[in-house]
Amino acid sequence: MSKRDDLIEKYAADIKDKFGESADMDLLKKVTVGLGPSIYNLDASKVSGGDQKELDTVKNNYLIKKLGLNDGSELDDAIKGVMDKYGSSNKNKHRAVIYYMLCKHFKKASIYK
């Protein structure tokens, strides 16, 4: 297995453990591939739930630019919901998992087709 495949398996386990659902492996792989080499960088591969700058990056670069959503409070609410489910005490919030969960929340999987 490649390093990317190992990471995707880790992300799928996180989705199962933290969110109580089985990952759509095809979508998870596409979201992960879409993140490019950042998944291999310890800092870039994670999102700090307590850092507003990081949360703004998720909103602006992913939800608005990538998924094509309009800015609004529902974006902030969705990010907060995913972060809360992931667990505030969990220091390892993987960017790929957060993006995957937000993609599912907004029903935007077609972006990756």
Protein backbone atom coordinates (compact mmCIF):
# COMPACT_ATOMS: atom_id res chain seq x y z
CA MET A 1 0.00 0.00 0.00
CA SER A 2 1.15 3.53 -0.73
CA LYS A 3 1.56 6.16 1.94
CA ARG A 4 -1.55 7.91 0.58
CA ASP A 5 -3.57 4.70 0.85
CA ASP A 6 -2.39 4.32 4.46
CA LEU A 7 -3.55 7.85 5.22
CA ILE A 8 -6.94 7.25 3.56
CA GLU A 9 -7.40 4.16 5.75
CA LYS A 10 -6.53 6.27 8.81
CA TYR A 11 -9.06 8.91 7.74
CA ALA A 12 -11.75 6.26 7.22
CA ALA A 13 -11.12 4.93 10.73
CA ASP A 14 -11.42 8.47 12.10
CA ILE A 15 -14.76 8.93 10.34
CA LYS A 16 -15.99 5.64 11.84
CA ASP A 17 -14.69 6.41 15.36
CA LYS A 18 -15.54 10.11 15.62
CA PHE A 19 -18.62 10.44 13.43
CA GLY A 20 -20.10 6.94 13.72
CA GLU A 21 -20.45 6.33 10.03
CA SER A 22 -18.73 4.34 7.35
CA ALA A 23 -16.81 6.43 4.86
CA ASP A 24 -17.66 6.55 1.19
CA MET A 25 -14.17 5.39 0.23
CA ASP A 26 -14.42 6.66 -3.34
CA LEU A 27 -15.32 10.18 -2.19
CA LEU A 28 -12.77 10.11 0.64
CA LYS A 29 -10.04 9.18 -1.83
CA LYS A 30 -11.05 12.00 -4.18
CA VAL A 31 -11.12 14.56 -1.35
CA THR A 32 -7.71 13.35 -0.16
CA VAL A 33 -6.20 13.46 -3.65
CA GLY A 34 -7.64 16.96 -4.04
CA LEU A 35 -5.57 18.11 -1.08
CA GLY A 36 -2.39 17.22 -2.93
CA PRO A 37 0.93 17.02 -1.11
CA SER A 38 -0.42 18.88 1.96
CA ILE A 39 -1.59 15.54 3.39
CA TYR A 40 2.06 14.60 3.96
CA ASN A 41 2.88 17.81 5.87
CA LEU A 42 2.21 17.39 9.59
CA ASP A 43 0.99 20.96 10.07
CA ALA A 44 -0.92 21.42 6.80
CA SER A 45 -2.67 18.04 7.09
CA LYS A 46 -4.48 19.07 10.27
CA VAL A 47 -6.91 21.83 11.24
CA SER A 48 -6.82 23.56 14.60
CA GLY A 49 -10.40 24.01 15.79
CA GLY A 50 -9.36 26.82 18.11
CA ASP A 51 -7.61 28.91 15.47
CA GLN A 52 -10.04 31.27 13.71
CA LYS A 53 -7.54 31.84 10.89
CA GLU A 54 -7.53 28.10 10.15
CA LEU A 55 -11.33 27.93 10.24
CA ASP A 56 -11.51 30.91 7.86
CA THR A 57 -9.15 29.04 5.51
CA VAL A 58 -11.49 26.03 5.53
CA LYS A 59 -14.44 28.30 4.79
CA ASN A 60 -12.82 30.48 2.11
CA ASN A 61 -10.56 28.02 0.32
CA TYR A 62 -12.74 24.93 0.52
CA LEU A 63 -16.40 25.77 1.03
CA ILE A 64 -16.49 28.94 -1.06
CA LYS A 65 -13.75 28.43 -3.69
CA LYS A 66 -13.81 24.65 -4.15
CA LEU A 67 -17.44 23.76 -3.41
CA GLY A 68 -18.86 27.02 -4.80
CA LEU A 69 -20.99 27.86 -1.76
CA ASN A 70 -22.07 31.38 -0.87
CA ASP A 71 -20.63 32.93 2.27
CA GLY A 72 -23.03 32.94 5.18
CA SER A 73 -23.58 31.85 8.74
CA GLU A 74 -24.57 28.34 7.60
CA LEU A 75 -20.95 27.76 6.53
CA ASP A 76 -19.63 28.74 9.96
CA ASP A 77 -22.32 26.60 11.62
CA ALA A 78 -21.39 23.57 9.50
CA ILE A 79 -17.68 23.97 10.29
CA LYS A 80 -18.47 24.31 13.99
CA GLY A 81 -20.69 21.22 13.85
CA VAL A 82 -17.96 19.10 12.25
CA MET A 83 -15.36 20.39 14.72
CA ASP A 84 -17.65 19.67 17.68
CA LYS A 85 -18.32 16.12 16.47
CA TYR A 86 -14.61 15.57 15.87
CA GLY A 87 -14.06 16.46 19.54
CA SER A 88 -12.53 19.58 21.03
CA SER A 89 -9.97 17.53 22.96
CA ASN A 90 -8.80 15.77 19.78
CA LYS A 91 -5.64 17.52 18.60
CA ASN A 92 -5.44 15.49 15.40
CA LYS A 93 -8.27 16.83 13.28
CA HIS A 94 -7.31 15.72 9.79
CA ARG A 95 -8.05 18.24 7.04
CA ALA A 96 -9.16 15.46 4.67
CA VAL A 97 -11.74 14.21 7.19
CA ILE A 98 -13.08 17.72 7.82
CA TYR A 99 -13.33 18.45 4.10
CA TYR A 100 -14.99 15.08 3.49
CA MET A 101 -17.58 15.67 6.24
CA LEU A 102 -18.32 19.19 4.96
CA CYS A 103 -18.63 17.89 1.40
CA LYS A 104 -21.17 15.32 2.58
CA HIS A 105 -23.00 17.89 4.76
CA PHE A 106 -23.53 20.23 1.81
CA LYS A 107 -24.21 17.33 -0.60
CA LYS A 108 -21.45 18.46 -2.96
CA ALA A 109 -19.88 15.09 -3.83
CA SER A 110 -20.64 15.85 -7.49
CA ILE A 111 -17.73 18.35 -7.42
CA TYR A 112 -15.41 15.32 -7.35
CA LYS A 113 -17.04 13.34 -10.17
